[in-house]
């Protein structure tokens, strides 16, 4: 995968996360916000806690930073998979959003191809 192909796929993944957050906010009274700029998706809870999801072009990975730690996801067989645990990106984000900011967000499987 070239750099430009990776950026296209990673940005589509970040946009899908943003769309899921919008749907969750519209369906509830969740307090928070998110913004995406140049490959960085910043999610802020009502208590000002943040989760950061960003593309890391040199490693062709999506990285997540949360209170629980840092996570790296690599494209494997069309999915974003944690390089340590093997969990999918969507499952990890659902868990982190619930733990850190108390949001219930339904995320589809986030494809890497």
Protein backbone atom coordinates (compact mmCIF):
# COMPACT_ATOMS: atom_id res chain seq x y z
CA UNK A 1 0.00 0.00 0.00
CA UNK A 2 1.43 3.38 -0.96
CA UNK A 3 1.40 6.37 1.37
CA UNK A 4 -1.43 8.01 -0.55
CA UNK A 5 -3.49 4.79 -0.53
CA UNK A 6 -2.94 4.44 3.21
CA UNK A 7 -3.96 8.07 3.83
CA UNK A 8 -7.15 7.58 1.80
CA UNK A 9 -8.12 4.41 3.69
CA UNK A 10 -7.17 5.81 7.11
CA UNK A 11 -9.08 9.05 6.51
CA UNK A 12 -12.16 7.05 5.48
CA UNK A 13 -11.84 5.12 8.75
CA UNK A 14 -11.61 8.36 10.75
CA UNK A 15 -14.68 9.71 8.91
CA UNK A 16 -16.63 6.51 9.74
CA UNK A 17 -15.75 6.95 13.42
CA UNK A 18 -16.93 10.57 13.24
CA UNK A 19 -20.22 9.54 11.63
CA UNK A 20 -20.80 6.96 14.38
CA UNK A 21 -20.10 9.63 17.02
CA UNK A 22 -22.59 11.99 15.36
CA UNK A 23 -25.23 9.25 15.37
CA UNK A 24 -24.55 8.51 19.05
CA UNK A 25 -24.80 12.20 19.97
CA UNK A 26 -28.05 12.62 18.02
CA UNK A 27 -29.61 9.57 19.70
CA UNK A 28 -28.74 10.61 23.26
CA UNK A 29 -27.89 13.53 25.46
CA UNK A 30 -24.18 12.69 25.48
CA UNK A 31 -22.04 15.67 26.31
CA UNK A 32 -18.97 15.97 24.14
CA UNK A 33 -17.53 16.87 20.80
CA UNK A 34 -15.17 15.61 18.15
CA UNK A 35 -13.14 17.16 15.37
CA UNK A 36 -10.96 15.83 12.60
CA UNK A 37 -8.05 17.71 11.10
CA UNK A 38 -5.26 16.41 8.88
CA UNK A 39 -5.41 12.78 9.96
CA UNK A 40 -6.11 13.43 13.64
CA UNK A 41 -9.50 12.73 15.20
CA UNK A 42 -9.85 14.34 18.61
CA UNK A 43 -12.75 13.14 20.77
CA UNK A 44 -13.54 15.20 23.86
CA UNK A 45 -15.91 14.11 26.60
CA UNK A 46 -18.01 16.44 28.71
CA UNK A 47 -15.44 16.19 31.50
CA UNK A 48 -12.73 17.44 29.08
CA UNK A 49 -11.11 14.01 28.82
CA UNK A 50 -9.78 13.23 25.36
CA UNK A 51 -9.23 10.26 23.12
CA UNK A 52 -7.03 10.80 20.09
CA UNK A 53 -7.24 8.62 16.98
CA UNK A 54 -4.70 9.37 14.29
CA UNK A 55 -3.09 7.92 11.22
CA UNK A 56 0.62 7.22 11.43
CA UNK A 57 1.87 7.16 7.86
CA UNK A 58 5.46 5.89 8.41
CA UNK A 59 4.17 2.70 10.07
CA UNK A 60 0.90 2.62 8.09
CA UNK A 61 -1.02 2.27 11.34
CA UNK A 62 -3.88 3.96 13.14
CA UNK A 63 -2.93 4.95 16.67
CA UNK A 64 -5.29 5.54 19.59
CA UNK A 65 -4.31 7.43 22.74
CA UNK A 66 -6.60 7.16 25.77
CA UNK A 67 -6.34 7.16 29.56
CA UNK A 68 -6.08 3.37 29.37
CA UNK A 69 -2.96 3.62 27.22
CA UNK A 70 -1.80 3.70 23.64
CA UNK A 71 -2.91 1.28 20.95
CA UNK A 72 -1.56 0.63 17.44
CA UNK A 73 -3.71 -0.88 14.69
CA UNK A 74 -2.36 -2.39 11.48
CA UNK A 75 -4.29 -3.35 8.36
CA UNK A 76 -4.70 -7.12 8.24
CA UNK A 77 -7.05 -8.92 5.87
CA UNK A 78 -9.23 -5.83 5.42
CA UNK A 79 -9.55 -4.97 9.12
CA UNK A 80 -7.69 -2.71 11.57
CA UNK A 81 -6.17 -5.05 14.17
CA UNK A 82 -4.34 -4.15 17.40
CA UNK A 83 -0.69 -5.13 17.01
CA UNK A 84 -0.58 -6.52 20.58
CA UNK A 85 -3.99 -7.97 21.43
CA UNK A 86 -5.39 -8.76 17.99
CA UNK A 87 -8.63 -6.92 18.81
CA UNK A 88 -10.36 -4.89 16.11
CA UNK A 89 -10.28 -1.10 16.19
CA UNK A 90 -14.05 -0.73 16.45
CA UNK A 91 -14.26 -3.03 19.51
CA UNK A 92 -11.44 -1.23 21.28
CA UNK A 93 -12.94 2.20 20.60
CA UNK A 94 -16.39 1.11 21.82
CA UNK A 95 -14.80 -0.11 25.07
CA UNK A 96 -12.58 2.97 25.54
CA UNK A 97 -15.43 5.42 24.90
CA UNK A 98 -17.62 3.61 27.43
CA UNK A 99 -14.85 3.43 30.05
CA UNK A 100 -13.42 6.90 29.67
CA UNK A 101 -16.41 9.11 28.90
CA UNK A 102 -19.42 6.86 29.50
CA UNK A 103 -20.67 6.92 25.90
CA UNK A 104 -22.41 4.03 24.20
CA UNK A 105 -21.35 4.22 20.57
CA UNK A 106 -22.19 1.60 17.95
CA UNK A 107 -19.30 1.32 15.54
CA UNK A 108 -19.37 -0.81 12.42
CA UNK A 109 -16.39 -2.98 11.62
CA UNK A 110 -13.85 -0.45 10.38
CA UNK A 111 -12.34 -1.73 7.13
CA UNK A 112 -8.75 -1.16 6.12
CA UNK A 113 -9.28 -1.85 2.44
